[in-house]
Amino acid sequence: MDREQSQAEHAKSPGLEGRRALVIGGTGGIGRAAALELGARGAFVIVHGGASCERLDSTLAALKSSGAGADGFLLKLESAAGNVSRFVDGLSAFGRVDILVVAFGPFTRSSLSGTKAADWERLALLDLALPGALCSALLPGMLERGWGRILLFGGTRTDTIRPCATNAAYASAKAGLAILVKSLAAEGAARNVSSVLACPGLVDTEYLDDGDRASLRAKAPAGRLFSAAEIAAAAIGLLALDPCPASGAIVSLDGGLAW
């Protein structure tokens, strides 16, 4: 296939019209970019935010101004297991969910010897058990309808098992998502339910200050940080394919980062 044919085929790539998407952590960073990408592809987007009405309203306004259907809610996720259970149980109020994106993930920087038991508990629950509980809750409906897409976000360089000097608890939880995604892919294969784990590299978001950006650029391939929109487009583009050949993949979106 020549370049023009390839571009033509890309232009005909299927959208997500008529699908209903839920984005956990969708009011900032990669989560907001994912919500906007889904809206641009025709999905109705349900946006979860933490505690900022302003950020939620801004994201919903951006979606609606682009012509996408959107709804949203605020709920600050806490580390108590009962809160996670209530959060998952409450999702039935939003109706059918065809696409789940989890772009939420607390981070703690600490040596292994300095990581407290409470840190382990919080990170294991919110970075691994919460995505798992969401998948378990939404998977049956996807299987019954014969279509579903799940996108989980790992951390930088958590695409395989590596030693971590300053974030072992976080990386351990995020690495566990690989088993979850491959299990989802295997269980959903016969019913067109697909799942991908995307592990971004160094990404420029509103959470960075100028000092952070300068430090990360010094480590980034070619001295360039990826935008959140670039990461979201790459990851969701994989899931928009029907059928999805990338189901079960752990995709490193770091541009060849060597750290």
C-alpha atoms as a PDB file:
ATOM      1  CA  MET A   1       0.000   0.000   0.000  1.00  0.00           C
ATOM      2  CA  ASP A   2       1.485   3.395  -0.964  1.00  0.00           C
ATOM      3  CA  ARG A   3       1.432   6.486   1.228  1.00  0.00           C
ATOM      4  CA  GLU A   4      -1.680   8.026  -0.378  1.00  0.00           C
ATOM      5  CA  GLN A   5      -3.620   4.781   0.013  1.00  0.00           C
ATOM      6  CA  SER A   6      -2.493   4.545   3.634  1.00  0.00           C
ATOM      7  CA  GLN A   7      -3.660   8.086   4.325  1.00  0.00           C
ATOM      8  CA  ALA A   8      -6.999   7.379   2.661  1.00  0.00           C
ATOM      9  CA  GLU A   9      -7.519   4.289   4.774  1.00  0.00           C
ATOM     10  CA  HIS A  10      -6.637   6.278   7.903  1.00  0.00           C
ATOM     11  CA  ALA A  11      -9.182   8.938   6.954  1.00  0.00           C
ATOM     12  CA  LYS A  12     -11.839   6.216   6.850  1.00  0.00           C
ATOM     13  CA  SER A  13     -10.898   4.890  10.300  1.00  0.00           C
ATOM     14  CA  PRO A  14     -14.040   4.132  12.280  1.00  0.00           C
ATOM     15  CA  GLY A  15     -15.189   6.646  14.835  1.00  0.00           C
ATOM     16  CA  LEU A  16     -17.040   5.974  18.047  1.00  0.00           C
ATOM     17  CA  GLU A  17     -20.402   7.470  17.116  1.00  0.00           C
ATOM     18  CA  GLY A  18     -23.208   6.408  19.397  1.00  0.00           C
ATOM     19  CA  ARG A  19     -20.900   4.920  22.030  1.00  0.00           C
ATOM     20  CA  ARG A  20     -21.043   6.019  25.667  1.00  0.00           C
ATOM     21  CA  ALA A  21     -17.699   6.601  27.344  1.00  0.00           C
ATOM     22  CA  LEU A  22     -16.816   7.023  31.027  1.00  0.00           C
ATOM     23  CA  VAL A  23     -13.527   8.782  31.791  1.00  0.00           C
ATOM     24  CA  ILE A  24     -12.268   8.464  35.359  1.00  0.00           C
ATOM     25  CA  GLY A  25     -10.009  11.418  36.149  1.00  0.00           C
ATOM     26  CA  GLY A  26     -11.258  13.295  33.105  1.00  0.00           C
ATOM     27  CA  THR A  27     -10.884  16.932  34.123  1.00  0.00           C
ATOM     28  CA  GLY A  28      -7.125  17.384  33.780  1.00  0.00           C
ATOM     29  CA  GLY A  29      -3.983  16.142  32.106  1.00  0.00           C
ATOM     30  CA  ILE A  30      -4.233  13.019  29.976  1.00  0.00           C
ATOM     31  CA  GLY A  31      -7.721  12.322  31.299  1.00  0.00           C
ATOM     32  CA  ARG A  32      -9.120  15.583  29.964  1.00  0.00           C
ATOM     33  CA  ALA A  33      -7.340  15.015  26.649  1.00  0.00           C
ATOM     34  CA  ALA A  34      -8.857  11.523  26.462  1.00  0.00           C
ATOM     35  CA  ALA A  35     -12.337  12.909  27.099  1.00  0.00           C
ATOM     36  CA  LEU A  36     -11.917  15.475  24.317  1.00  0.00           C
ATOM     37  CA  GLU A  37     -10.525  12.841  21.923  1.00  0.00           C
ATOM     38  CA  LEU A  38     -13.490  10.568  22.580  1.00  0.00           C
ATOM     39  CA  GLY A  39     -15.878  13.451  22.006  1.00  0.00           C
ATOM     40  CA  ALA A  40     -14.137  14.315  18.740  1.00  0.00           C
ATOM     41  CA  ARG A  41     -14.665  10.722  17.615  1.00  0.00           C
ATOM     42  CA  GLY A  42     -18.407  10.939  18.244  1.00  0.00           C
ATOM     43  CA  ALA A  43     -18.791   9.377  21.675  1.00  0.00           C
ATOM     44  CA  PHE A  44     -21.075  10.682  24.406  1.00  0.00           C
ATOM     45  CA  VAL A  45     -18.661  11.346  27.264  1.00  0.00           C
ATOM     46  CA  ILE A  46     -19.340  11.030  30.993  1.00  0.00           C
ATOM     47  CA  VAL A  47     -16.558  12.860  32.817  1.00  0.00           C
ATOM     48  CA  HIS A  48     -15.529  12.089  36.397  1.00  0.00           C
ATOM     49  CA  GLY A  49     -13.669  14.807  38.264  1.00  0.00           C
ATOM     50  CA  GLY A  50     -12.266  15.077  41.765  1.00  0.00           C
ATOM     51  CA  ALA A  51     -13.223  18.216  43.665  1.00  0.00           C
ATOM     52  CA  SER A  52     -13.067  21.155  41.233  1.00  0.00           C
ATOM     53  CA  CYS A  53     -16.341  22.370  39.766  1.00  0.00           C
ATOM     54  CA  GLU A  54     -14.392  24.845  37.641  1.00  0.00           C
ATOM     55  CA  ARG A  55     -12.305  22.127  35.988  1.00  0.00           C
ATOM     56  CA  LEU A  56     -15.318  19.914  35.399  1.00  0.00           C
ATOM     57  CA  ASP A  57     -17.352  22.778  33.924  1.00  0.00           C
ATOM     58  CA  SER A  58     -14.432  23.714  31.668  1.00  0.00           C
ATOM     59  CA  THR A  59     -14.090  20.162  30.350  1.00  0.00           C
ATOM     60  CA  LEU A  60     -17.817  19.781  29.735  1.00  0.00           C
ATOM     61  CA  ALA A  61     -17.943  23.166  27.994  1.00  0.00           C
ATOM     62  CA  ALA A  62     -15.064  22.157  25.716  1.00  0.00           C
ATOM     63  CA  LEU A  63     -16.820  18.907  24.828  1.00  0.00           C
ATOM     64  CA  LYS A  64     -20.153  20.556  24.125  1.00  0.00           C
ATOM     65  CA  SER A  65     -18.593  23.350  22.080  1.00  0.00           C
ATOM     66  CA  SER A  66     -17.156  20.684  19.795  1.00  0.00           C
ATOM     67  CA  GLY A  67     -20.600  19.181  19.338  1.00  0.00           C
ATOM     68  CA  ALA A  68     -20.117  16.198  21.634  1.00  0.00           C
ATOM     69  CA  GLY A  69     -22.748  15.020  24.077  1.00  0.00           C
ATOM     70  CA  ALA A  70     -21.442  15.155  27.636  1.00  0.00           C
ATOM     71  CA  ASP A  71     -22.340  14.737  31.283  1.00  0.00           C
ATOM     72  CA  GLY A  72     -20.170  14.804  34.372  1.00  0.00           C
ATOM     73  CA  PHE A  73     -19.895  14.424  38.101  1.00  0.00           C
ATOM     74  CA  LEU A  74     -17.521  15.240  40.941  1.00  0.00           C
ATOM     75  CA  LEU A  75     -16.421  12.708  43.529  1.00  0.00           C
ATOM     76  CA  LYS A  76     -13.129  12.769  45.357  1.00  0.00           C
ATOM     77  CA  LEU A  77     -11.842   9.215  45.506  1.00  0.00           C
ATOM     78  CA  GLU A  78     -10.532   8.229  48.904  1.00  0.00           C
ATOM     79  CA  SER A  79      -8.481   5.273  50.045  1.00  0.00           C
ATOM     80  CA  ALA A  80     -11.128   3.517  52.144  1.00  0.00           C
ATOM     81  CA  ALA A  81     -12.311   0.335  50.446  1.00  0.00           C
ATOM     82  CA  GLY A  82     -15.927   1.145  51.294  1.00  0.00           C
ATOM     83  CA  ASN A  83     -15.692   4.417  49.376  1.00  0.00           C
ATOM     84  CA  VAL A  84     -14.411   2.620  46.280  1.00  0.00           C
ATOM     85  CA  SER A  85     -17.234   0.079  46.518  1.00  0.00           C
ATOM     86  CA  ARG A  86     -19.850   2.829  46.802  1.00  0.00           C
ATOM     87  CA  PHE A  87     -18.299   4.677  43.870  1.00  0.00           C
ATOM     88  CA  VAL A  88     -18.428   1.615  41.636  1.00  0.00           C
ATOM     89  CA  ASP A  89     -21.966   0.719  42.729  1.00  0.00           C
ATOM     90  CA  GLY A  90     -23.128   4.268  41.981  1.00  0.00           C
ATOM     91  CA  LEU A  91     -22.109   4.130  38.333  1.00  0.00           C
ATOM     92  CA  SER A  92     -25.388   2.463  37.387  1.00  0.00           C
ATOM     93  CA  ALA A  93     -26.995   5.911  37.626  1.00  0.00           C
ATOM     94  CA  PHE A  94     -25.192   6.931  34.436  1.00  0.00           C
ATOM     95  CA  GLY A  95     -26.632   4.177  32.282  1.00  0.00           C
ATOM     96  CA  ARG A  96     -24.819   2.133  29.662  1.00  0.00           C
ATOM     97  CA  VAL A  97     -21.034   2.391  29.445  1.00  0.00           C
ATOM     98  CA  ASP A  98     -19.425   1.111  26.244  1.00  0.00           C
ATOM     99  CA  ILE A  99     -15.963   2.617  26.780  1.00  0.00           C
ATOM    100  CA  LEU A 100     -14.081   2.895  30.063  1.00  0.00           C
ATOM    101  CA  VAL A 101     -10.983   5.061  30.396  1.00  0.00           C
ATOM    102  CA  VAL A 102      -9.153   5.203  33.726  1.00  0.00           C
ATOM    103  CA  ALA A 103      -6.727   8.126  33.763  1.00  0.00           C
ATOM    104  CA  PHE A 104      -6.616   8.505  37.532  1.00  0.00           C
ATOM    105  CA  GLY A 105      -3.651   7.419  39.614  1.00  0.00           C
ATOM    106  CA  PRO A 106      -2.244   8.839  42.855  1.00  0.00           C
ATOM    107  CA  PHE A 107       1.541   9.022  43.022  1.00  0.00           C
ATOM    108  CA  THR A 108       3.921   9.013  45.984  1.00  0.00           C
ATOM    109  CA  ARG A 109       7.657   9.619  45.650  1.00  0.00           C
ATOM    110  CA  SER A 110       9.632   7.848  48.347  1.00  0.00           C
ATOM    111  CA  SER A 111      12.361   5.306  48.834  1.00  0.00           C
ATOM    112  CA  LEU A 112      11.148   1.809  49.526  1.00  0.00           C
ATOM    113  CA  SER A 113      12.374   1.990  53.117  1.00  0.00           C
ATOM    114  CA  GLY A 114      10.569   5.295  53.550  1.00  0.00           C
ATOM    115  CA  THR A 115       7.204   4.163  52.154  1.00  0.00           C
ATOM    116  CA  LYS A 116       4.585   3.908  54.898  1.00  0.00           C
ATOM    117  CA  ALA A 117       1.966   1.188  55.213  1.00  0.00           C
ATOM    118  CA  ALA A 118      -0.724   3.787  54.555  1.00  0.00           C
ATOM    119  CA  ASP A 119       0.964   4.677  51.259  1.00  0.00           C
ATOM    120  CA  TRP A 120       0.988   1.037  50.162  1.00  0.00           C
ATOM    121  CA  GLU A 121      -2.670   0.692  51.089  1.00  0.00           C
ATOM    122  CA  ARG A 122      -3.755   3.857  49.272  1.00  0.00           C
ATOM    123  CA  LEU A 123      -1.779   3.226  46.090  1.00  0.00           C
ATOM    124  CA  ALA A 124      -2.724  -0.442  45.828  1.00  0.00           C
ATOM    125  CA  LEU A 125      -6.388   0.421  46.257  1.00  0.00           C
ATOM    126  CA  LEU A 126      -6.650   3.427  43.960  1.00  0.00           C
ATOM    127  CA  ASP A 127      -4.076   2.524  41.292  1.00  0.00           C
ATOM    128  CA  LEU A 128      -4.923  -1.175  40.965  1.00  0.00           C
ATOM    129  CA  ALA A 129      -8.022  -2.297  42.866  1.00  0.00           C
ATOM    130  CA  LEU A 130     -10.172   0.636  41.695  1.00  0.00           C
ATOM    131  CA  PRO A 131      -9.492   0.039  37.968  1.00  0.00           C
ATOM    132  CA  GLY A 132     -10.030  -3.671  38.563  1.00  0.00           C
ATOM    133  CA  ALA A 133     -13.359  -3.104  40.323  1.00  0.00           C
ATOM    134  CA  LEU A 134     -14.525  -0.770  37.560  1.00  0.00           C
ATOM    135  CA  CYS A 135     -13.644  -3.354  34.917  1.00  0.00           C
ATOM    136  CA  SER A 136     -15.402  -6.134  36.811  1.00  0.00           C
ATOM    137  CA  ALA A 137     -18.518  -3.995  37.163  1.00  0.00           C
ATOM    138  CA  LEU A 138     -18.723  -2.831  33.542  1.00  0.00           C
ATOM    139  CA  LEU A 139     -17.442  -5.908  31.712  1.00  0.00           C
ATOM    140  CA  PRO A 140     -20.670  -7.993  31.941  1.00  0.00           C
ATOM    141  CA  GLY A 141     -22.694  -5.333  30.119  1.00  0.00           C
ATOM    142  CA  MET A 142     -20.061  -5.012  27.418  1.00  0.00           C
ATOM    143  CA  LEU A 143     -20.002  -8.780  26.924  1.00  0.00           C
ATOM    144  CA  GLU A 144     -23.782  -8.930  26.745  1.00  0.00           C
ATOM    145  CA  ARG A 145     -23.934  -6.170  24.111  1.00  0.00           C
ATOM    146  CA  GLY A 146     -21.067  -7.648  22.091  1.00  0.00           C
ATOM    147  CA  TRP A 147     -18.908  -4.509  22.103  1.00  0.00           C
ATOM    148  CA  GLY A 148     -16.706  -2.758  24.635  1.00  0.00           C
ATOM    149  CA  ARG A 149     -13.420  -0.899  24.965  1.00  0.00           C
ATOM    150  CA  ILE A 150     -11.280  -0.404  28.078  1.00  0.00           C
ATOM    151  CA  LEU A 151      -8.252   1.873  28.234  1.00  0.00           C
ATOM    152  CA  LEU A 152      -6.107   1.928  31.358  1.00  0.00           C
ATOM    153  CA  PHE A 153      -3.100   4.167  31.893  1.00  0.00           C
ATOM    154  CA  GLY A 154       0.051   2.867  33.511  1.00  0.00           C
ATOM    155  CA  GLY A 155       2.972   4.985  34.599  1.00  0.00           C
ATOM    156  CA  THR A 156       6.150   5.983  32.833  1.00  0.00           C
ATOM    157  CA  ARG A 157       8.330   2.887  32.301  1.00  0.00           C
ATOM    158  CA  THR A 158       5.840   0.534  34.013  1.00  0.00           C
ATOM    159  CA  ASP A 159       5.401  -1.408  30.771  1.00  0.00           C
ATOM    160  CA  THR A 160       7.625  -4.152  32.202  1.00  0.00           C
ATOM    161  CA  ILE A 161       9.181  -5.123  35.537  1.00  0.00           C
ATOM    162  CA  ARG A 162      11.963  -2.740  36.545  1.00  0.00           C
ATOM    163  CA  PRO A 163      13.540  -1.666  39.825  1.00  0.00           C
ATOM    164  CA  CYS A 164      12.253   1.674  41.095  1.00  0.00           C
ATOM    165  CA  ALA A 165      14.346   3.786  43.444  1.00  0.00           C
ATOM    166  CA  THR A 166      11.722   6.385  44.339  1.00  0.00           C
ATOM    167  CA  ASN A 167       8.253   5.054  43.486  1.00  0.00           C
ATOM    168  CA  ALA A 168       8.157   1.292  44.058  1.00  0.00           C
ATOM    169  CA  ALA A 169       4.669   1.274  45.571  1.00  0.00           C
ATOM    170  CA  TYR A 170       3.156   3.243  42.684  1.00  0.00           C
ATOM    171  CA  ALA A 171       5.012   1.254  40.032  1.00  0.00           C
ATOM    172  CA  SER A 172       4.032  -2.057  41.639  1.00  0.00           C
ATOM    173  CA  ALA A 173       0.358  -1.149  41.442  1.00  0.00           C
ATOM    174  CA  LYS A 174       0.606   0.167  37.894  1.00  0.00           C
ATOM    175  CA  ALA A 175       2.543  -2.885  36.709  1.00  0.00           C
ATOM    176  CA  GLY A 176      -0.286  -5.044  38.036  1.00  0.00           C
ATOM    177  CA  LEU A 177      -2.597  -3.450  35.476  1.00  0.00           C
ATOM    178  CA  ALA A 178      -0.830  -5.480  32.796  1.00  0.00           C
ATOM    179  CA  ILE A 179      -2.327  -8.697  34.148  1.00  0.00           C
ATOM    180  CA  LEU A 180      -5.732  -7.028  34.346  1.00  0.00           C
ATOM    181  CA  VAL A 181      -5.608  -5.860  30.726  1.00  0.00           C
ATOM    182  CA  LYS A 182      -4.455  -9.205  29.364  1.00  0.00           C
ATOM    183  CA  SER A 183      -7.156 -10.985  31.385  1.00  0.00           C
ATOM    184  CA  LEU A 184      -9.797  -8.592  30.027  1.00  0.00           C
ATOM    185  CA  ALA A 185      -8.584  -9.164  26.485  1.00  0.00           C
ATOM    186  CA  ALA A 186      -8.767 -12.935  26.850  1.00  0.00           C
ATOM    187  CA  GLU A 187     -12.227 -12.916  28.425  1.00  0.00           C
ATOM    188  CA  GLY A 188     -13.636 -10.381  25.980  1.00  0.00           C
ATOM    189  CA  ALA A 189     -12.111 -11.622  22.722  1.00  0.00           C
ATOM    190  CA  ALA A 190     -15.107 -13.644  21.564  1.00  0.00           C
ATOM    191  CA  ARG A 191     -17.505 -10.751  22.266  1.00  0.00           C
ATOM    192  CA  ASN A 192     -15.549  -7.845  20.720  1.00  0.00           C
ATOM    193  CA  VAL A 193     -14.514  -6.409  24.086  1.00  0.00           C
ATOM    194  CA  SER A 194     -10.970  -5.075  23.918  1.00  0.00           C
ATOM    195  CA  SER A 195      -8.551  -3.588  26.422  1.00  0.00           C
ATOM    196  CA  VAL A 196      -5.219  -1.773  26.210  1.00  0.00           C
ATOM    197  CA  LEU A 197      -2.740  -0.553  28.821  1.00  0.00           C
ATOM    198  CA  ALA A 198      -0.981   2.644  27.726  1.00  0.00           C
ATOM    199  CA  CYS A 199       2.202   3.677  29.530  1.00  0.00           C
ATOM    200  CA  PRO A 200       2.980   7.321  28.694  1.00  0.00           C
ATOM    201  CA  GLY A 201       6.453   8.773  28.695  1.00  0.00           C
ATOM    202  CA  LEU A 202       7.237  12.331  29.725  1.00  0.00           C
ATOM    203  CA  VAL A 203       4.121  14.416  29.170  1.00  0.00           C
ATOM    204  CA  ASP A 204       3.578  18.163  29.435  1.00  0.00           C
ATOM    205  CA  THR A 205       0.470  18.866  31.508  1.00  0.00           C
ATOM    206  CA  GLU A 206      -0.845  21.705  33.606  1.00  0.00           C
ATOM    207  CA  TYR A 207       0.442  19.917  36.699  1.00  0.00           C
ATOM    208  CA  LEU A 208       4.062  20.802  35.830  1.00  0.00           C
ATOM    209  CA  ASP A 209       5.806  24.045  36.669  1.00  0.00           C
ATOM    210  CA  ASP A 210       8.630  25.551  34.615  1.00  0.00           C
ATOM    211  CA  GLY A 211      11.262  23.807  36.719  1.00  0.00           C
ATOM    212  CA  ASP A 212       9.585  20.437  36.220  1.00  0.00           C
ATOM    213  CA  ARG A 213       9.410  20.986  32.462  1.00  0.00           C
ATOM    214  CA  ALA A 214      13.063  21.909  32.217  1.00  0.00           C
ATOM    215  CA  SER A 215      14.102  18.870  34.240  1.00  0.00           C
ATOM    216  CA  LEU A 216      11.983  16.472  32.205  1.00  0.00           C
ATOM    217  CA  ARG A 217      13.042  17.923  28.854  1.00  0.00           C
ATOM    218  CA  ALA A 218      16.632  17.185  29.773  1.00  0.00           C
ATOM    219  CA  LYS A 219      15.681  13.496  30.040  1.00  0.00           C
ATOM    220  CA  ALA A 220      13.227  13.307  27.147  1.00  0.00           C
ATOM    221  CA  PRO A 221      14.072  11.946  23.679  1.00  0.00           C
ATOM    222  CA  ALA A 222      15.154  14.930  21.530  1.00  0.00           C
ATOM    223  CA  GLY A 223      14.435  17.185  24.501  1.00  0.00           C
ATOM    224  CA  ARG A 224      10.705  17.220  23.759  1.00  0.00           C
ATOM    225  CA  LEU A 225       7.786  16.403  26.024  1.00  0.00           C
ATOM    226  CA  PHE A 226       4.675  14.847  24.525  1.00  0.00           C
ATOM    227  CA  SER A 227       1.399  16.708  24.859  1.00  0.00           C
ATOM    228  CA  ALA A 228      -1.500  15.062  26.652  1.00  0.00           C
ATOM    229  CA  ALA A 229      -3.485  15.274  23.408  1.00  0.00           C
ATOM    230  CA  GLU A 230      -0.838  13.287  21.520  1.00  0.00           C
ATOM    231  CA  ILE A 231      -0.894  10.509  24.106  1.00  0.00           C
ATOM    232  CA  ALA A 232      -4.699  10.386  24.175  1.00  0.00           C
ATOM    233  CA  ALA A 233      -4.983  10.294  20.380  1.00  0.00           C
ATOM    234  CA  ALA A 234      -2.482   7.454  20.083  1.00  0.00           C
ATOM    235  CA  ALA A 235      -4.110   5.318  22.773  1.00  0.00           C
ATOM    236  CA  ILE A 236      -7.730   5.871  21.795  1.00  0.00           C
ATOM    237  CA  GLY A 237      -6.872   5.450  18.139  1.00  0.00           C
ATOM    238  CA  LEU A 238      -5.922   1.853  18.891  1.00  0.00           C
ATOM    239  CA  LEU A 239      -9.216   1.143  20.631  1.00  0.00           C
ATOM    240  CA  ALA A 240     -11.336   2.803  17.954  1.00  0.00           C
ATOM    241  CA  LEU A 241     -10.399   0.086  15.476  1.00  0.00           C
ATOM    242  CA  ASP A 242     -13.071  -2.572  15.073  1.00  0.00           C
ATOM    243  CA  PRO A 243     -12.053  -5.271  15.656  1.00  0.00           C
ATOM    244  CA  CYS A 244      -9.175  -4.096  17.815  1.00  0.00           C
ATOM    245  CA  PRO A 245      -5.921  -5.905  16.953  1.00  0.00           C
ATOM    246  CA  ALA A 246      -4.119  -4.293  19.911  1.00  0.00           C
ATOM    247  CA  SER A 247      -6.346  -5.852  22.561  1.00  0.00           C
ATOM    248  CA  GLY A 248      -4.249  -7.109  25.458  1.00  0.00           C
ATOM    249  CA  ALA A 249      -1.282  -4.933  24.513  1.00  0.00           C
ATOM    250  CA  ILE A 250       0.910  -3.041  26.947  1.00  0.00           C
ATOM    251  CA  VAL A 251       1.782  -0.023  24.812  1.00  0.00           C
ATOM    252  CA  SER A 252       4.761   2.151  25.709  1.00  0.00           C
ATOM    253  CA  LEU A 253       4.058   5.693  24.499  1.00  0.00           C
ATOM    254  CA  ASP A 254       7.386   7.192  25.511  1.00  0.00           C
ATOM    255  CA  GLY A 255       9.067   7.855  22.170  1.00  0.00           C
ATOM    256  CA  GLY A 256      12.059   5.677  23.024  1.00  0.00           C
ATOM    257  CA  LEU A 257      12.769   7.052  26.474  1.00  0.00           C
ATOM    258  CA  ALA A 258      15.960   5.664  27.986  1.00  0.00           C
ATOM    259  CA  TRP A 259      16.067   6.606  31.639  1.00  0.00           C
END
